[in-house]
């Protein structure tokens, strides 16, 4: 028996050094639920403030106060907030929203935006100049940068299941909030411009959110 005890354990190095994922989890413990909720609220307010500030800096459109413009923007803003609440608010026993609900949300945001664009806008004749498209795309990317970065930081290691789907849903909803800021200063009503330039933050948010969720989102 003594000779058997003298045989070295070939897996001893694994016990001494935990796997990288486990080591990272031990080194960076997850936040408590109240702390994460406070952090998410602070990030939401900071992202909203950035969108409003950037839109104001770009120059608000002249007809922003008219019901034809203001009411749809208010509806989109409310829907974006309700969607984030649905995606992030814990359900009974502290469980997150179901995967089916998150998948439906991730699909409904871009599809709903495109459907609304088709109903409300029409193709301009003559076409909108390319430089206006590019200017709005640059504005969209700059506006979306802060909300996307805040969402990625706050929601790191916070998803118990389907992290890619949850990241996509939250990213597209953040992009929908950015759309409100874009349309607060861009008065172009061309269908192609609205669908591609204004819709870019939604598509980018969904793709980046899915990537961030898959890579860093699982709790």
C-alpha atoms as a PDB file:
ATOM      1  CA  UNK A   1       0.000   0.000   0.000  1.00  0.00           C
ATOM      2  CA  UNK A   2       2.849   2.404   0.751  1.00  0.00           C
ATOM      3  CA  UNK A   3       4.190   2.082  -2.783  1.00  0.00           C
ATOM      4  CA  UNK A   4       0.757   2.860  -4.237  1.00  0.00           C
ATOM      5  CA  UNK A   5       0.620   5.996  -2.112  1.00  0.00           C
ATOM      6  CA  UNK A   6       3.976   7.049  -3.526  1.00  0.00           C
ATOM      7  CA  UNK A   7       2.666   7.153  -7.131  1.00  0.00           C
ATOM      8  CA  UNK A   8       2.261  10.836  -8.168  1.00  0.00           C
ATOM      9  CA  UNK A   9      -1.206  12.061  -9.039  1.00  0.00           C
ATOM     10  CA  UNK A  10      -1.223  12.947 -12.786  1.00  0.00           C
ATOM     11  CA  UNK A  11      -4.105  15.421 -12.237  1.00  0.00           C
ATOM     12  CA  UNK A  12      -2.567  17.232  -9.281  1.00  0.00           C
ATOM     13  CA  UNK A  13      -1.788  20.306 -11.403  1.00  0.00           C
ATOM     14  CA  UNK A  14      -5.478  20.659 -12.267  1.00  0.00           C
ATOM     15  CA  UNK A  15      -6.445  20.808  -8.617  1.00  0.00           C
ATOM     16  CA  UNK A  16      -3.745  23.364  -7.916  1.00  0.00           C
ATOM     17  CA  UNK A  17      -4.741  25.553 -10.863  1.00  0.00           C
ATOM     18  CA  UNK A  18      -8.493  25.813 -11.604  1.00  0.00           C
ATOM     19  CA  UNK A  19      -9.713  26.196 -15.210  1.00  0.00           C
ATOM     20  CA  UNK A  20      -9.516  29.756 -16.597  1.00  0.00           C
ATOM     21  CA  UNK A  21     -13.294  30.254 -16.584  1.00  0.00           C
ATOM     22  CA  UNK A  22     -13.573  29.150 -12.955  1.00  0.00           C
ATOM     23  CA  UNK A  23     -10.559  31.213 -11.945  1.00  0.00           C
ATOM     24  CA  UNK A  24     -12.089  34.294 -13.551  1.00  0.00           C
ATOM     25  CA  UNK A  25     -15.424  33.706 -11.837  1.00  0.00           C
ATOM     26  CA  UNK A  26     -13.694  33.330  -8.464  1.00  0.00           C
ATOM     27  CA  UNK A  27     -11.599  36.443  -9.010  1.00  0.00           C
ATOM     28  CA  UNK A  28     -14.602  38.540 -10.087  1.00  0.00           C
ATOM     29  CA  UNK A  29     -17.702  37.530  -8.118  1.00  0.00           C
ATOM     30  CA  UNK A  30     -21.105  38.431  -9.549  1.00  0.00           C
ATOM     31  CA  UNK A  31     -22.940  41.433  -8.153  1.00  0.00           C
ATOM     32  CA  UNK A  32     -25.921  40.974  -5.896  1.00  0.00           C
ATOM     33  CA  UNK A  33     -29.327  41.539  -7.484  1.00  0.00           C
ATOM     34  CA  UNK A  34     -29.983  44.912  -5.769  1.00  0.00           C
ATOM     35  CA  UNK A  35     -26.503  46.139  -6.718  1.00  0.00           C
ATOM     36  CA  UNK A  36     -26.985  45.057 -10.326  1.00  0.00           C
ATOM     37  CA  UNK A  37     -30.409  46.717 -10.481  1.00  0.00           C
ATOM     38  CA  UNK A  38     -28.968  49.991  -9.188  1.00  0.00           C
ATOM     39  CA  UNK A  39     -26.118  49.763 -11.683  1.00  0.00           C
ATOM     40  CA  UNK A  40     -28.526  49.037 -14.550  1.00  0.00           C
ATOM     41  CA  UNK A  41     -30.711  52.003 -13.584  1.00  0.00           C
ATOM     42  CA  UNK A  42     -27.714  54.303 -13.433  1.00  0.00           C
ATOM     43  CA  UNK A  43     -26.444  53.071 -16.814  1.00  0.00           C
ATOM     44  CA  UNK A  44     -29.889  53.534 -18.367  1.00  0.00           C
ATOM     45  CA  UNK A  45     -30.128  57.126 -17.134  1.00  0.00           C
ATOM     46  CA  UNK A  46     -26.564  57.853 -18.279  1.00  0.00           C
ATOM     47  CA  UNK A  47     -27.242  56.382 -21.727  1.00  0.00           C
ATOM     48  CA  UNK A  48     -30.480  58.349 -22.036  1.00  0.00           C
ATOM     49  CA  UNK A  49     -28.716  61.552 -21.009  1.00  0.00           C
ATOM     50  CA  UNK A  50     -26.031  60.937 -23.638  1.00  0.00           C
ATOM     51  CA  UNK A  51     -28.608  60.360 -26.403  1.00  0.00           C
ATOM     52  CA  UNK A  52     -30.477  63.543 -25.476  1.00  0.00           C
ATOM     53  CA  UNK A  53     -27.281  65.581 -25.182  1.00  0.00           C
ATOM     54  CA  UNK A  54     -25.891  64.356 -28.489  1.00  0.00           C
ATOM     55  CA  UNK A  55     -29.200  64.999 -30.270  1.00  0.00           C
ATOM     56  CA  UNK A  56     -29.358  68.503 -28.831  1.00  0.00           C
ATOM     57  CA  UNK A  57     -25.788  69.110 -29.982  1.00  0.00           C
ATOM     58  CA  UNK A  58     -26.683  67.983 -33.506  1.00  0.00           C
ATOM     59  CA  UNK A  59     -29.568  70.457 -33.559  1.00  0.00           C
ATOM     60  CA  UNK A  60     -33.192  69.539 -32.941  1.00  0.00           C
ATOM     61  CA  UNK A  61     -35.516  69.516 -35.952  1.00  0.00           C
ATOM     62  CA  UNK A  62     -37.837  72.487 -36.376  1.00  0.00           C
ATOM     63  CA  UNK A  63     -41.052  70.442 -36.332  1.00  0.00           C
ATOM     64  CA  UNK A  64     -40.168  68.404 -33.236  1.00  0.00           C
ATOM     65  CA  UNK A  65     -43.023  69.965 -31.258  1.00  0.00           C
ATOM     66  CA  UNK A  66     -45.722  68.940 -33.736  1.00  0.00           C
ATOM     67  CA  UNK A  67     -47.904  65.938 -32.740  1.00  0.00           C
ATOM     68  CA  UNK A  68     -47.079  64.223 -36.035  1.00  0.00           C
ATOM     69  CA  UNK A  69     -43.444  63.956 -34.939  1.00  0.00           C
ATOM     70  CA  UNK A  70     -43.593  64.076 -31.157  1.00  0.00           C
ATOM     71  CA  UNK A  71     -46.240  61.393 -30.580  1.00  0.00           C
ATOM     72  CA  UNK A  72     -44.483  58.605 -32.567  1.00  0.00           C
ATOM     73  CA  UNK A  73     -41.163  59.422 -30.871  1.00  0.00           C
ATOM     74  CA  UNK A  74     -42.804  59.276 -27.451  1.00  0.00           C
ATOM     75  CA  UNK A  75     -44.398  55.924 -28.303  1.00  0.00           C
ATOM     76  CA  UNK A  76     -41.068  54.487 -29.459  1.00  0.00           C
ATOM     77  CA  UNK A  77     -39.331  55.751 -26.319  1.00  0.00           C
ATOM     78  CA  UNK A  78     -41.968  54.153 -24.083  1.00  0.00           C
ATOM     79  CA  UNK A  79     -41.805  50.876 -26.005  1.00  0.00           C
ATOM     80  CA  UNK A  80     -38.032  50.821 -25.683  1.00  0.00           C
ATOM     81  CA  UNK A  81     -38.269  51.331 -21.924  1.00  0.00           C
ATOM     82  CA  UNK A  82     -40.981  48.705 -21.513  1.00  0.00           C
ATOM     83  CA  UNK A  83     -38.954  46.251 -23.581  1.00  0.00           C
ATOM     84  CA  UNK A  84     -35.890  46.745 -21.384  1.00  0.00           C
ATOM     85  CA  UNK A  85     -38.073  46.275 -18.322  1.00  0.00           C
ATOM     86  CA  UNK A  86     -39.444  43.039 -19.767  1.00  0.00           C
ATOM     87  CA  UNK A  87     -35.967  41.768 -20.616  1.00  0.00           C
ATOM     88  CA  UNK A  88     -34.287  42.664 -17.324  1.00  0.00           C
ATOM     89  CA  UNK A  89     -36.957  42.471 -14.622  1.00  0.00           C
ATOM     90  CA  UNK A  90     -36.847  39.199 -12.656  1.00  0.00           C
ATOM     91  CA  UNK A  91     -39.951  37.019 -12.686  1.00  0.00           C
ATOM     92  CA  UNK A  92     -41.362  34.826  -9.940  1.00  0.00           C
ATOM     93  CA  UNK A  93     -38.703  33.345  -7.628  1.00  0.00           C
ATOM     94  CA  UNK A  94     -36.107  35.634  -9.141  1.00  0.00           C
ATOM     95  CA  UNK A  95     -35.959  33.815 -12.481  1.00  0.00           C
ATOM     96  CA  UNK A  96     -35.290  35.833 -15.665  1.00  0.00           C
ATOM     97  CA  UNK A  97     -37.744  36.229 -18.532  1.00  0.00           C
ATOM     98  CA  UNK A  98     -38.307  33.059 -20.540  1.00  0.00           C
ATOM     99  CA  UNK A  99     -36.135  32.359 -23.547  1.00  0.00           C
ATOM    100  CA  UNK A 100     -39.182  32.388 -25.842  1.00  0.00           C
ATOM    101  CA  UNK A 101     -40.168  35.864 -24.623  1.00  0.00           C
ATOM    102  CA  UNK A 102     -36.622  37.122 -25.184  1.00  0.00           C
ATOM    103  CA  UNK A 103     -36.467  35.601 -28.665  1.00  0.00           C
ATOM    104  CA  UNK A 104     -39.805  37.186 -29.561  1.00  0.00           C
ATOM    105  CA  UNK A 105     -38.524  40.538 -28.293  1.00  0.00           C
ATOM    106  CA  UNK A 106     -35.264  40.282 -30.243  1.00  0.00           C
ATOM    107  CA  UNK A 107     -37.191  39.624 -33.460  1.00  0.00           C
ATOM    108  CA  UNK A 108     -40.058  42.054 -32.824  1.00  0.00           C
ATOM    109  CA  UNK A 109     -37.861  45.144 -32.441  1.00  0.00           C
ATOM    110  CA  UNK A 110     -36.234  45.184 -35.918  1.00  0.00           C
ATOM    111  CA  UNK A 111     -39.317  43.789 -37.672  1.00  0.00           C
ATOM    112  CA  UNK A 112     -41.573  46.325 -35.960  1.00  0.00           C
ATOM    113  CA  UNK A 113     -39.240  49.177 -36.835  1.00  0.00           C
ATOM    114  CA  UNK A 114     -39.106  48.215 -40.509  1.00  0.00           C
ATOM    115  CA  UNK A 115     -42.882  47.784 -40.639  1.00  0.00           C
ATOM    116  CA  UNK A 116     -43.377  51.231 -39.109  1.00  0.00           C
ATOM    117  CA  UNK A 117     -40.889  52.733 -41.571  1.00  0.00           C
ATOM    118  CA  UNK A 118     -42.779  51.246 -44.512  1.00  0.00           C
ATOM    119  CA  UNK A 119     -46.098  52.585 -43.213  1.00  0.00           C
ATOM    120  CA  UNK A 120     -44.890  56.090 -42.306  1.00  0.00           C
ATOM    121  CA  UNK A 121     -42.249  56.843 -44.960  1.00  0.00           C
ATOM    122  CA  UNK A 122     -41.967  56.752 -48.729  1.00  0.00           C
ATOM    123  CA  UNK A 123     -39.096  56.688 -51.195  1.00  0.00           C
ATOM    124  CA  UNK A 124     -37.927  60.218 -51.911  1.00  0.00           C
ATOM    125  CA  UNK A 125     -37.943  61.542 -55.465  1.00  0.00           C
ATOM    126  CA  UNK A 126     -35.291  62.752 -56.230  1.00  0.00           C
ATOM    127  CA  UNK A 127     -33.195  60.379 -54.058  1.00  0.00           C
ATOM    128  CA  UNK A 128     -31.537  61.641 -50.909  1.00  0.00           C
ATOM    129  CA  UNK A 129     -27.873  62.577 -51.570  1.00  0.00           C
ATOM    130  CA  UNK A 130     -25.301  60.063 -50.391  1.00  0.00           C
ATOM    131  CA  UNK A 131     -23.559  62.532 -48.076  1.00  0.00           C
ATOM    132  CA  UNK A 132     -26.751  62.930 -46.034  1.00  0.00           C
ATOM    133  CA  UNK A 133     -26.990  59.164 -45.626  1.00  0.00           C
ATOM    134  CA  UNK A 134     -23.356  58.978 -44.499  1.00  0.00           C
ATOM    135  CA  UNK A 135     -23.733  61.897 -42.114  1.00  0.00           C
ATOM    136  CA  UNK A 136     -26.710  60.268 -40.425  1.00  0.00           C
ATOM    137  CA  UNK A 137     -24.918  56.912 -40.217  1.00  0.00           C
ATOM    138  CA  UNK A 138     -21.954  58.608 -38.510  1.00  0.00           C
ATOM    139  CA  UNK A 139     -24.341  60.356 -36.128  1.00  0.00           C
ATOM    140  CA  UNK A 140     -26.068  57.043 -35.394  1.00  0.00           C
ATOM    141  CA  UNK A 141     -22.795  55.338 -34.545  1.00  0.00           C
ATOM    142  CA  UNK A 142     -21.628  58.178 -32.294  1.00  0.00           C
ATOM    143  CA  UNK A 143     -24.984  58.299 -30.510  1.00  0.00           C
ATOM    144  CA  UNK A 144     -25.055  54.529 -29.981  1.00  0.00           C
ATOM    145  CA  UNK A 145     -21.479  54.208 -28.733  1.00  0.00           C
ATOM    146  CA  UNK A 146     -22.124  55.152 -25.097  1.00  0.00           C
ATOM    147  CA  UNK A 147     -25.383  53.180 -24.558  1.00  0.00           C
ATOM    148  CA  UNK A 148     -23.875  50.050 -26.128  1.00  0.00           C
ATOM    149  CA  UNK A 149     -20.704  50.303 -24.029  1.00  0.00           C
ATOM    150  CA  UNK A 150     -22.689  50.835 -20.822  1.00  0.00           C
ATOM    151  CA  UNK A 151     -24.963  47.874 -21.560  1.00  0.00           C
ATOM    152  CA  UNK A 152     -21.987  45.601 -22.248  1.00  0.00           C
ATOM    153  CA  UNK A 153     -20.296  46.594 -18.978  1.00  0.00           C
ATOM    154  CA  UNK A 154     -23.371  46.450 -16.751  1.00  0.00           C
ATOM    155  CA  UNK A 155     -24.738  43.163 -18.085  1.00  0.00           C
ATOM    156  CA  UNK A 156     -21.456  41.290 -18.014  1.00  0.00           C
ATOM    157  CA  UNK A 157     -21.904  37.848 -16.428  1.00  0.00           C
ATOM    158  CA  UNK A 158     -25.587  38.437 -15.671  1.00  0.00           C
ATOM    159  CA  UNK A 159     -27.467  35.940 -17.897  1.00  0.00           C
ATOM    160  CA  UNK A 160     -28.336  32.512 -16.527  1.00  0.00           C
ATOM    161  CA  UNK A 161     -29.522  31.141 -19.882  1.00  0.00           C
ATOM    162  CA  UNK A 162     -29.524  32.024 -23.592  1.00  0.00           C
ATOM    163  CA  UNK A 163     -26.952  34.836 -23.155  1.00  0.00           C
ATOM    164  CA  UNK A 164     -26.695  35.517 -26.899  1.00  0.00           C
ATOM    165  CA  UNK A 165     -30.466  35.941 -27.300  1.00  0.00           C
ATOM    166  CA  UNK A 166     -30.701  38.131 -24.203  1.00  0.00           C
ATOM    167  CA  UNK A 167     -27.800  40.261 -25.394  1.00  0.00           C
ATOM    168  CA  UNK A 168     -29.405  40.621 -28.831  1.00  0.00           C
ATOM    169  CA  UNK A 169     -32.741  41.680 -27.347  1.00  0.00           C
ATOM    170  CA  UNK A 170     -31.195  44.261 -25.030  1.00  0.00           C
ATOM    171  CA  UNK A 171     -28.879  45.555 -27.760  1.00  0.00           C
ATOM    172  CA  UNK A 172     -31.738  46.038 -30.216  1.00  0.00           C
ATOM    173  CA  UNK A 173     -33.774  47.845 -27.542  1.00  0.00           C
ATOM    174  CA  UNK A 174     -30.838  50.149 -26.825  1.00  0.00           C
ATOM    175  CA  UNK A 175     -30.663  50.778 -30.569  1.00  0.00           C
ATOM    176  CA  UNK A 176     -34.372  51.600 -30.593  1.00  0.00           C
ATOM    177  CA  UNK A 177     -33.731  54.231 -27.938  1.00  0.00           C
ATOM    178  CA  UNK A 178     -30.965  55.659 -30.117  1.00  0.00           C
ATOM    179  CA  UNK A 179     -33.456  55.904 -32.999  1.00  0.00           C
ATOM    180  CA  UNK A 180     -35.505  58.333 -30.907  1.00  0.00           C
ATOM    181  CA  UNK A 181     -32.476  60.578 -30.609  1.00  0.00           C
ATOM    182  CA  UNK A 182     -31.729  60.355 -34.329  1.00  0.00           C
ATOM    183  CA  UNK A 183     -35.245  61.241 -35.405  1.00  0.00           C
ATOM    184  CA  UNK A 184     -35.312  64.115 -32.939  1.00  0.00           C
ATOM    185  CA  UNK A 185     -32.784  65.946 -35.111  1.00  0.00           C
ATOM    186  CA  UNK A 186     -33.064  64.289 -38.550  1.00  0.00           C
ATOM    187  CA  UNK A 187     -36.171  65.296 -40.488  1.00  0.00           C
ATOM    188  CA  UNK A 188     -35.501  63.138 -43.569  1.00  0.00           C
ATOM    189  CA  UNK A 189     -38.535  60.943 -44.231  1.00  0.00           C
ATOM    190  CA  UNK A 190     -37.111  58.872 -47.080  1.00  0.00           C
ATOM    191  CA  UNK A 191     -37.877  55.174 -46.650  1.00  0.00           C
ATOM    192  CA  UNK A 192     -34.390  53.998 -47.585  1.00  0.00           C
ATOM    193  CA  UNK A 193     -32.777  56.554 -45.298  1.00  0.00           C
ATOM    194  CA  UNK A 194     -34.977  55.686 -42.331  1.00  0.00           C
ATOM    195  CA  UNK A 195     -34.651  51.929 -42.847  1.00  0.00           C
ATOM    196  CA  UNK A 196     -30.870  51.825 -43.250  1.00  0.00           C
ATOM    197  CA  UNK A 197     -29.400  54.928 -41.576  1.00  0.00           C
ATOM    198  CA  UNK A 198     -31.858  55.138 -38.687  1.00  0.00           C
ATOM    199  CA  UNK A 199     -32.247  51.379 -38.443  1.00  0.00           C
ATOM    200  CA  UNK A 200     -28.495  50.821 -38.194  1.00  0.00           C
ATOM    201  CA  UNK A 201     -28.343  51.161 -34.373  1.00  0.00           C
ATOM    202  CA  UNK A 202     -30.991  48.452 -33.997  1.00  0.00           C
ATOM    203  CA  UNK A 203     -29.148  46.003 -36.257  1.00  0.00           C
ATOM    204  CA  UNK A 204     -25.751  46.866 -34.764  1.00  0.00           C
ATOM    205  CA  UNK A 205     -27.128  46.603 -31.242  1.00  0.00           C
ATOM    206  CA  UNK A 206     -28.605  43.177 -31.905  1.00  0.00           C
ATOM    207  CA  UNK A 207     -25.380  41.833 -33.430  1.00  0.00           C
ATOM    208  CA  UNK A 208     -23.054  43.364 -30.854  1.00  0.00           C
ATOM    209  CA  UNK A 209     -25.373  42.368 -28.020  1.00  0.00           C
ATOM    210  CA  UNK A 210     -25.502  38.770 -29.220  1.00  0.00           C
ATOM    211  CA  UNK A 211     -21.709  38.666 -29.464  1.00  0.00           C
ATOM    212  CA  UNK A 212     -21.191  40.254 -26.053  1.00  0.00           C
ATOM    213  CA  UNK A 213     -23.768  37.971 -24.486  1.00  0.00           C
ATOM    214  CA  UNK A 214     -22.218  34.854 -25.960  1.00  0.00           C
ATOM    215  CA  UNK A 215     -18.679  35.852 -24.978  1.00  0.00           C
ATOM    216  CA  UNK A 216     -19.100  37.569 -21.620  1.00  0.00           C
ATOM    217  CA  UNK A 217     -22.757  37.439 -20.646  1.00  0.00           C
ATOM    218  CA  UNK A 218     -23.201  34.071 -18.957  1.00  0.00           C
ATOM    219  CA  UNK A 219     -23.291  34.263 -15.166  1.00  0.00           C
END
